[in-house]
Amino acid sequence: LPITDEPFNFTSNYELRIYTSGCYYLDKNNNWKSDGLIVGSLTNLYETECLSTHLTTFAGGFIVLPAPINWSYVFENADFMKNKTVYLTMIFTSIIYIILMIYARFKDKKDFEKLGVTPLADNNKSDHYYYQILVFLLVKEQMQEQIQ
């Protein structure tokens, strides 16, 4: 092909997959470590080869990066009729969120009205006693541990 400034279309059936792979083992403190382990040359998208210098149980892992988003395609096809489910889900979720925020604000106002000192029925003006009431809120497992 001669060198030219005229544009031309080039198409190719080419696919690029990017991933990272690693070999890890659990140490005595249950932390994942990779020292003494090397990712082998036979590692591919489906299998990880781990080469080890010690005899511990180890595992392999990999992360496949997500495909890039074609934003021009997304914005060209963003009309309501093609994406009813997406838009209705977003609208429904937003409405539920607003309703829950209004309900939470209403409950906060009720809690604020209840805030304050409540006089006891046997309270006399001549009494000079002070009481401290401690309230502990425990999870069920914590209560069972304290009982034992």
N, C-alpha and C. Protein backbone atom coordinates (compact mmCIF):
# COMPACT_ATOMS: atom_id res chain seq x y z
N LEU A 1 0.84 -1.19 0.00
CA LEU A 1 0.00 0.00 0.00
C LEU A 1 0.88 1.25 0.00
N PRO A 2 0.59 2.14 -0.87
CA PRO A 2 1.34 3.40 -0.87
C PRO A 2 0.91 4.27 0.31
N ILE A 3 1.81 5.11 0.76
CA ILE A 3 1.52 6.04 1.86
C ILE A 3 0.63 7.14 1.31
N THR A 4 -0.47 7.40 2.01
CA THR A 4 -1.42 8.42 1.56
C THR A 4 -2.04 9.10 2.77
N ASP A 5 -2.56 10.30 2.56
CA ASP A 5 -3.24 11.04 3.62
C ASP A 5 -4.74 10.78 3.62
N GLU A 6 -5.23 10.01 2.67
CA GLU A 6 -6.66 9.76 2.59
C GLU A 6 -7.07 8.77 3.68
N PRO A 7 -8.20 9.05 4.36
CA PRO A 7 -8.65 8.12 5.40
C PRO A 7 -9.14 6.81 4.80
N PHE A 8 -8.98 5.75 5.54
CA PHE A 8 -9.49 4.45 5.12
C PHE A 8 -9.96 3.70 6.37
N ASN A 9 -10.86 2.76 6.16
CA ASN A 9 -11.41 1.96 7.26
C ASN A 9 -10.60 0.69 7.43
N PHE A 10 -10.27 0.39 8.65
CA PHE A 10 -9.54 -0.84 8.96
C PHE A 10 -10.36 -1.61 9.99
N THR A 11 -10.68 -2.85 9.70
CA THR A 11 -11.40 -3.69 10.66
C THR A 11 -10.60 -4.95 10.92
N SER A 12 -10.72 -5.44 12.13
CA SER A 12 -10.00 -6.65 12.51
C SER A 12 -10.79 -7.35 13.60
N ASN A 13 -10.76 -8.67 13.57
CA ASN A 13 -11.40 -9.46 14.61
C ASN A 13 -10.38 -9.66 15.73
N TYR A 14 -10.26 -8.67 16.59
CA TYR A 14 -9.24 -8.67 17.64
C TYR A 14 -9.91 -8.49 18.98
N GLU A 15 -9.47 -9.26 19.96
CA GLU A 15 -10.05 -9.17 21.30
C GLU A 15 -8.91 -9.06 22.31
N LEU A 16 -9.04 -8.15 23.24
CA LEU A 16 -8.03 -7.94 24.26
C LEU A 16 -8.65 -8.17 25.63
N ARG A 17 -8.10 -9.09 26.39
CA ARG A 17 -8.57 -9.33 27.75
C ARG A 17 -7.43 -9.00 28.70
N ILE A 18 -7.75 -8.20 29.69
CA ILE A 18 -6.75 -7.80 30.68
C ILE A 18 -7.14 -8.41 32.02
N TYR A 19 -6.21 -9.06 32.66
CA TYR A 19 -6.47 -9.64 33.98
C TYR A 19 -5.19 -9.63 34.79
N THR A 20 -5.35 -9.75 36.08
CA THR A 20 -4.20 -9.88 36.97
C THR A 20 -4.38 -11.16 37.77
N SER A 21 -3.30 -11.83 38.06
CA SER A 21 -3.37 -13.11 38.73
C SER A 21 -2.36 -13.14 39.87
N GLY A 22 -2.63 -13.90 40.92
CA GLY A 22 -1.72 -13.98 42.05
C GLY A 22 -1.88 -15.29 42.80
N CYS A 23 -0.86 -15.63 43.58
CA CYS A 23 -0.87 -16.83 44.42
C CYS A 23 -0.72 -16.38 45.87
N TYR A 24 -1.53 -16.96 46.76
CA TYR A 24 -1.57 -16.51 48.14
C TYR A 24 -1.70 -17.71 49.07
N TYR A 25 -1.27 -17.55 50.33
CA TYR A 25 -1.50 -18.56 51.36
C TYR A 25 -1.91 -17.86 52.65
N LEU A 26 -2.57 -18.61 53.53
CA LEU A 26 -2.98 -18.07 54.83
C LEU A 26 -1.87 -18.30 55.84
N ASP A 27 -1.42 -17.24 56.50
CA ASP A 27 -0.40 -17.39 57.52
C ASP A 27 -1.05 -17.76 58.87
N LYS A 28 -0.27 -17.80 59.93
CA LYS A 28 -0.78 -18.21 61.24
C LYS A 28 -1.83 -17.25 61.78
N ASN A 29 -1.83 -15.99 61.32
CA ASN A 29 -2.80 -14.99 61.78
C ASN A 29 -3.99 -14.85 60.84
N ASN A 30 -4.17 -15.82 59.93
CA ASN A 30 -5.25 -15.80 58.94
C ASN A 30 -5.20 -14.58 58.03
N ASN A 31 -3.99 -14.18 57.66
CA ASN A 31 -3.80 -13.10 56.69
C ASN A 31 -3.27 -13.72 55.41
N TRP A 32 -3.75 -13.22 54.27
CA TRP A 32 -3.28 -13.72 52.98
C TRP A 32 -1.91 -13.13 52.69
N LYS A 33 -0.93 -13.99 52.41
CA LYS A 33 0.44 -13.58 52.09
C LYS A 33 0.83 -14.19 50.75
N SER A 34 1.80 -13.57 50.08
CA SER A 34 2.25 -14.10 48.79
C SER A 34 3.74 -14.37 48.76
N ASP A 35 4.46 -14.17 49.87
CA ASP A 35 5.90 -14.40 49.85
C ASP A 35 6.19 -15.89 49.70
N GLY A 36 7.18 -16.21 48.88
CA GLY A 36 7.52 -17.60 48.60
C GLY A 36 6.68 -18.23 47.52
N LEU A 37 5.74 -17.49 46.94
CA LEU A 37 4.89 -17.99 45.86
C LEU A 37 5.09 -17.13 44.62
N ILE A 38 5.17 -17.79 43.48
CA ILE A 38 5.37 -17.09 42.21
C ILE A 38 4.31 -17.56 41.23
N VAL A 39 3.74 -16.65 40.47
CA VAL A 39 2.79 -17.00 39.42
C VAL A 39 3.58 -17.60 38.27
N GLY A 40 3.19 -18.81 37.85
CA GLY A 40 3.92 -19.52 36.80
C GLY A 40 3.59 -19.01 35.40
N SER A 41 4.41 -19.43 34.45
CA SER A 41 4.26 -18.97 33.07
C SER A 41 3.08 -19.62 32.36
N LEU A 42 2.51 -20.69 32.91
CA LEU A 42 1.35 -21.35 32.30
C LEU A 42 0.03 -20.71 32.72
N THR A 43 0.08 -19.63 33.46
CA THR A 43 -1.12 -18.93 33.91
C THR A 43 -1.84 -18.31 32.72
N ASN A 44 -3.15 -18.49 32.68
CA ASN A 44 -3.97 -17.86 31.63
C ASN A 44 -5.25 -17.34 32.26
N LEU A 45 -6.22 -17.00 31.42
CA LEU A 45 -7.48 -16.42 31.92
C LEU A 45 -8.26 -17.41 32.77
N TYR A 46 -8.08 -18.71 32.55
CA TYR A 46 -8.90 -19.71 33.22
C TYR A 46 -8.17 -20.45 34.34
N GLU A 47 -6.84 -20.48 34.31
CA GLU A 47 -6.08 -21.22 35.31
C GLU A 47 -4.89 -20.40 35.78
N THR A 48 -4.55 -20.57 37.05
CA THR A 48 -3.38 -19.91 37.62
C THR A 48 -2.39 -20.97 38.06
N GLU A 49 -1.16 -20.89 37.57
CA GLU A 49 -0.11 -21.81 37.98
C GLU A 49 0.69 -21.12 39.10
N CYS A 50 0.82 -21.80 40.24
CA CYS A 50 1.55 -21.25 41.37
C CYS A 50 2.79 -22.09 41.63
N LEU A 51 3.94 -21.44 41.72
CA LEU A 51 5.20 -22.10 42.05
C LEU A 51 5.55 -21.70 43.48
N SER A 52 5.86 -22.71 44.32
CA SER A 52 6.03 -22.46 45.75
C SER A 52 7.40 -22.91 46.22
N THR A 53 7.96 -22.19 47.20
CA THR A 53 9.21 -22.60 47.84
C THR A 53 8.96 -23.17 49.23
N HIS A 54 7.70 -23.29 49.64
CA HIS A 54 7.37 -23.88 50.94
C HIS A 54 6.15 -24.76 50.79
N LEU A 55 5.88 -25.59 51.78
CA LEU A 55 4.82 -26.60 51.69
C LEU A 55 3.59 -26.19 52.49
N THR A 56 3.06 -25.03 52.23
CA THR A 56 1.82 -24.61 52.87
C THR A 56 0.68 -24.74 51.88
N THR A 57 -0.54 -24.77 52.40
CA THR A 57 -1.70 -24.78 51.53
C THR A 57 -1.86 -23.38 50.96
N PHE A 58 -2.04 -23.28 49.66
CA PHE A 58 -2.15 -21.96 49.05
C PHE A 58 -3.28 -21.95 48.04
N ALA A 59 -3.64 -20.76 47.62
CA ALA A 59 -4.75 -20.57 46.68
C ALA A 59 -4.34 -19.56 45.63
N GLY A 60 -5.00 -19.61 44.51
CA GLY A 60 -4.75 -18.65 43.44
C GLY A 60 -5.96 -17.77 43.25
N GLY A 61 -5.74 -16.60 42.78
CA GLY A 61 -6.85 -15.69 42.52
C GLY A 61 -6.54 -14.80 41.34
N PHE A 62 -7.58 -14.30 40.71
CA PHE A 62 -7.38 -13.38 39.61
C PHE A 62 -8.54 -12.41 39.54
N ILE A 63 -8.29 -11.28 38.95
CA ILE A 63 -9.31 -10.24 38.78
C ILE A 63 -9.41 -9.95 37.29
N VAL A 64 -10.59 -10.12 36.74
CA VAL A 64 -10.82 -9.76 35.35
C VAL A 64 -11.38 -8.36 35.33
N LEU A 65 -10.71 -7.46 34.65
CA LEU A 65 -11.16 -6.07 34.60
C LEU A 65 -12.43 -5.98 33.77
N PRO A 66 -13.36 -5.12 34.14
CA PRO A 66 -14.61 -4.99 33.38
C PRO A 66 -14.36 -4.37 32.01
N ALA A 67 -15.27 -4.67 31.11
CA ALA A 67 -15.18 -4.10 29.76
C ALA A 67 -15.45 -2.60 29.83
N PRO A 68 -14.77 -1.81 29.03
CA PRO A 68 -15.02 -0.37 29.04
C PRO A 68 -16.43 -0.04 28.53
N ILE A 69 -16.98 1.05 29.02
CA ILE A 69 -18.33 1.47 28.63
C ILE A 69 -18.24 2.39 27.42
N ASN A 70 -19.03 2.08 26.42
CA ASN A 70 -19.10 2.91 25.23
C ASN A 70 -20.15 4.00 25.50
N TRP A 71 -19.70 5.16 26.00
CA TRP A 71 -20.61 6.21 26.43
C TRP A 71 -21.39 6.80 25.26
N SER A 72 -20.82 6.87 24.09
CA SER A 72 -21.56 7.41 22.95
C SER A 72 -22.75 6.51 22.63
N TYR A 73 -22.58 5.19 22.71
CA TYR A 73 -23.70 4.27 22.49
C TYR A 73 -24.74 4.41 23.59
N VAL A 74 -24.29 4.57 24.82
CA VAL A 74 -25.22 4.68 25.95
C VAL A 74 -26.11 5.91 25.78
N PHE A 75 -25.51 7.06 25.45
CA PHE A 75 -26.30 8.29 25.33
C PHE A 75 -27.15 8.32 24.07
N GLU A 76 -26.72 7.63 23.01
CA GLU A 76 -27.54 7.57 21.80
C GLU A 76 -28.78 6.71 22.02
N ASN A 77 -28.71 5.73 22.90
CA ASN A 77 -29.83 4.81 23.12
C ASN A 77 -30.43 4.98 24.51
N ALA A 78 -30.52 6.21 24.97
CA ALA A 78 -31.03 6.47 26.32
C ALA A 78 -32.49 6.88 26.34
N ASP A 79 -33.25 6.61 25.28
CA ASP A 79 -34.65 7.03 25.29
C ASP A 79 -35.48 6.09 26.17
N PHE A 80 -36.61 6.61 26.63
CA PHE A 80 -37.44 5.93 27.62
C PHE A 80 -38.02 4.63 27.07
N MET A 81 -38.46 4.62 25.82
CA MET A 81 -39.15 3.45 25.26
C MET A 81 -38.22 2.24 25.14
N LYS A 82 -36.93 2.47 24.94
CA LYS A 82 -35.99 1.35 24.82
C LYS A 82 -35.54 0.85 26.20
N ASN A 83 -35.67 1.67 27.22
CA ASN A 83 -35.16 1.33 28.55
C ASN A 83 -36.22 1.53 29.62
N LYS A 84 -37.42 1.07 29.38
CA LYS A 84 -38.51 1.28 30.34
C LYS A 84 -38.17 0.70 31.71
N THR A 85 -37.64 -0.51 31.73
CA THR A 85 -37.35 -1.17 33.00
C THR A 85 -36.34 -0.39 33.82
N VAL A 86 -35.30 0.10 33.18
CA VAL A 86 -34.27 0.85 33.89
C VAL A 86 -34.85 2.13 34.47
N TYR A 87 -35.57 2.88 33.64
CA TYR A 87 -36.12 4.15 34.11
C TYR A 87 -37.19 3.94 35.18
N LEU A 88 -38.05 2.95 35.01
CA LEU A 88 -39.08 2.71 36.02
C LEU A 88 -38.46 2.25 37.34
N THR A 89 -37.40 1.46 37.28
CA THR A 89 -36.70 1.05 38.50
C THR A 89 -36.10 2.26 39.21
N MET A 90 -35.47 3.14 38.45
CA MET A 90 -34.89 4.35 39.05
C MET A 90 -35.96 5.25 39.64
N ILE A 91 -37.08 5.43 38.94
CA ILE A 91 -38.17 6.28 39.43
C ILE A 91 -38.77 5.67 40.69
N PHE A 92 -39.04 4.36 40.67
CA PHE A 92 -39.62 3.68 41.82
C PHE A 92 -38.69 3.77 43.03
N THR A 93 -37.40 3.53 42.82
CA THR A 93 -36.43 3.61 43.91
C THR A 93 -36.36 5.02 44.49
N SER A 94 -36.39 6.03 43.63
CA SER A 94 -36.35 7.42 44.09
C SER A 94 -37.59 7.77 44.90
N ILE A 95 -38.76 7.33 44.45
CA ILE A 95 -40.00 7.60 45.17
C ILE A 95 -39.98 6.93 46.55
N ILE A 96 -39.56 5.68 46.60
CA ILE A 96 -39.47 4.97 47.88
C ILE A 96 -38.48 5.68 48.80
N TYR A 97 -37.35 6.14 48.26
CA TYR A 97 -36.35 6.86 49.06
C TYR A 97 -36.95 8.14 49.64
N ILE A 98 -37.66 8.91 48.84
CA ILE A 98 -38.26 10.16 49.31
C ILE A 98 -39.31 9.88 50.38
N ILE A 99 -40.13 8.85 50.17
CA ILE A 99 -41.15 8.50 51.17
C ILE A 99 -40.48 8.10 52.49
N LEU A 100 -39.41 7.32 52.42
CA LEU A 100 -38.71 6.91 53.64
C LEU A 100 -38.05 8.09 54.33
N MET A 101 -37.56 9.06 53.58
CA MET A 101 -36.95 10.25 54.19
C MET A 101 -38.01 11.09 54.90
N ILE A 102 -39.18 11.23 54.30
CA ILE A 102 -40.28 11.97 54.94
C ILE A 102 -40.71 11.24 56.22
N TYR A 103 -40.84 9.92 56.16
CA TYR A 103 -41.22 9.13 57.33
C TYR A 103 -40.16 9.24 58.44
N ALA A 104 -38.88 9.18 58.07
CA ALA A 104 -37.81 9.30 59.05
C ALA A 104 -37.82 10.67 59.71
N ARG A 105 -38.07 11.72 58.93
CA ARG A 105 -38.13 13.08 59.49
C ARG A 105 -39.30 13.20 60.47
N PHE A 106 -40.44 12.61 60.11
CA PHE A 106 -41.61 12.60 60.99
C PHE A 106 -41.27 11.90 62.31
N LYS A 107 -40.61 10.75 62.24
CA LYS A 107 -40.23 10.01 63.45
C LYS A 107 -39.19 10.78 64.27
N ASP A 108 -38.27 11.48 63.60
CA ASP A 108 -37.28 12.30 64.31
C ASP A 108 -37.97 13.41 65.10
N LYS A 109 -38.98 14.04 64.51
CA LYS A 109 -39.73 15.09 65.22
C LYS A 109 -40.43 14.51 66.44
N LYS A 110 -41.02 13.31 66.31
CA LYS A 110 -41.68 12.66 67.44
C LYS A 110 -40.68 12.35 68.54
N ASP A 111 -39.49 11.87 68.17
CA ASP A 111 -38.46 11.58 69.16
C ASP A 111 -38.01 12.85 69.87
N PHE A 112 -37.90 13.95 69.14
CA PHE A 112 -37.47 15.21 69.73
C PHE A 112 -38.50 15.71 70.75
N GLU A 113 -39.80 15.48 70.47
CA GLU A 113 -40.84 15.88 71.42
C GLU A 113 -40.76 15.07 72.71
N LYS A 114 -40.32 13.82 72.63
CA LYS A 114 -40.22 12.96 73.81
C LYS A 114 -38.96 13.23 74.61
N LEU A 115 -38.02 13.95 74.05
CA LEU A 115 -36.74 14.20 74.71
C LEU A 115 -36.95 15.13 75.91
N GLY A 116 -36.34 14.79 77.02
CA GLY A 116 -36.44 15.65 78.19
C GLY A 116 -36.51 14.84 79.47
N VAL A 117 -36.73 15.54 80.57
CA VAL A 117 -36.80 14.92 81.89
C VAL A 117 -38.25 14.57 82.18
N THR A 118 -38.46 13.36 82.66
CA THR A 118 -39.81 12.92 83.02
C THR A 118 -39.89 12.81 84.54
N PRO A 119 -40.74 13.63 85.18
CA PRO A 119 -40.86 13.54 86.64
C PRO A 119 -41.56 12.25 87.05
N LEU A 120 -41.09 11.67 88.17
CA LEU A 120 -41.69 10.44 88.68
C LEU A 120 -42.93 10.77 89.50
N ALA A 121 -43.81 9.79 89.64
CA ALA A 121 -45.08 10.00 90.35
C ALA A 121 -44.87 10.29 91.83
N ASP A 122 -43.85 9.70 92.44
CA ASP A 122 -43.63 9.91 93.88
C ASP A 122 -42.64 11.05 94.15
N ASN A 123 -42.50 11.95 93.24
CA ASN A 123 -41.54 13.05 93.36
C ASN A 123 -42.09 14.13 94.28
N ASN A 124 -41.31 14.50 95.31
CA ASN A 124 -41.65 15.60 96.20
C ASN A 124 -40.65 16.72 95.99
N LYS A 125 -41.12 17.96 96.14
CA LYS A 125 -40.22 19.10 95.97
C LYS A 125 -39.16 19.14 97.05
N SER A 126 -39.45 18.57 98.21
CA SER A 126 -38.49 18.60 99.32
C SER A 126 -37.40 17.54 99.18
N ASP A 127 -37.58 16.57 98.28
CA ASP A 127 -36.56 15.53 98.08
C ASP A 127 -35.37 16.11 97.34
N HIS A 128 -34.19 15.69 97.79
CA HIS A 128 -32.95 16.14 97.15
C HIS A 128 -32.11 14.93 96.72
N TYR A 129 -32.72 13.96 96.13
CA TYR A 129 -32.02 12.76 95.67
C TYR A 129 -31.82 12.84 94.16
N TYR A 130 -30.71 12.30 93.74
CA TYR A 130 -30.42 12.22 92.31
C TYR A 130 -30.25 10.74 91.96
N TYR A 131 -30.83 10.34 90.86
CA TYR A 131 -30.74 8.95 90.41
C TYR A 131 -30.07 8.93 89.04
N GLN A 132 -29.25 7.94 88.88
CA GLN A 132 -28.63 7.75 87.57
C GLN A 132 -29.14 6.42 87.03
N ILE A 133 -29.72 6.45 85.84
CA ILE A 133 -30.24 5.24 85.22
C ILE A 133 -29.35 4.93 84.01
N LEU A 134 -28.77 3.75 84.02
CA LEU A 134 -27.93 3.31 82.91
C LEU A 134 -28.68 2.27 82.11
N VAL A 135 -28.72 2.45 80.82
CA VAL A 135 -29.38 1.50 79.92
C VAL A 135 -28.32 0.91 79.02
N PHE A 136 -28.21 -0.42 79.03
CA PHE A 136 -27.26 -1.12 78.17
C PHE A 136 -28.03 -1.85 77.09
N LEU A 137 -27.65 -1.64 75.86
CA LEU A 137 -28.25 -2.35 74.74
C LEU A 137 -27.21 -3.34 74.23
N LEU A 138 -27.50 -4.62 74.34
CA LEU A 138 -26.57 -5.66 73.94
C LEU A 138 -27.17 -6.50 72.83
N VAL A 139 -26.31 -7.01 71.99
CA VAL A 139 -26.72 -7.97 70.99
C VAL A 139 -26.95 -9.30 71.69
N LYS A 140 -27.80 -10.15 71.14
CA LYS A 140 -28.17 -11.40 71.77
C LYS A 140 -26.95 -12.25 72.13
N GLU A 141 -25.95 -12.32 71.24
CA GLU A 141 -24.76 -13.12 71.50
C GLU A 141 -23.99 -12.55 72.69
N GLN A 142 -23.92 -11.21 72.81
CA GLN A 142 -23.20 -10.59 73.92
C GLN A 142 -23.92 -10.86 75.24
N MET A 143 -25.25 -10.87 75.24
CA MET A 143 -25.99 -11.16 76.46
C MET A 143 -25.72 -12.58 76.92
N GLN A 144 -25.68 -13.53 75.99
CA GLN A 144 -25.42 -14.92 76.36
C GLN A 144 -24.01 -15.07 76.91
N GLU A 145 -23.04 -14.34 76.35
CA GLU A 145 -21.67 -14.41 76.85
C GLU A 145 -21.59 -13.87 78.28
N GLN A 146 -22.32 -12.77 78.59
CA GLN A 146 -22.25 -12.19 79.92
C GLN A 146 -22.98 -13.05 80.95
N ILE A 147 -24.01 -13.77 80.53
CA ILE A 147 -24.74 -14.65 81.45
C ILE A 147 -23.86 -15.82 81.85
N GLN A 148 -23.11 -16.35 80.90
CA GLN A 148 -22.24 -17.50 81.17
C GLN A 148 -21.06 -17.03 81.98
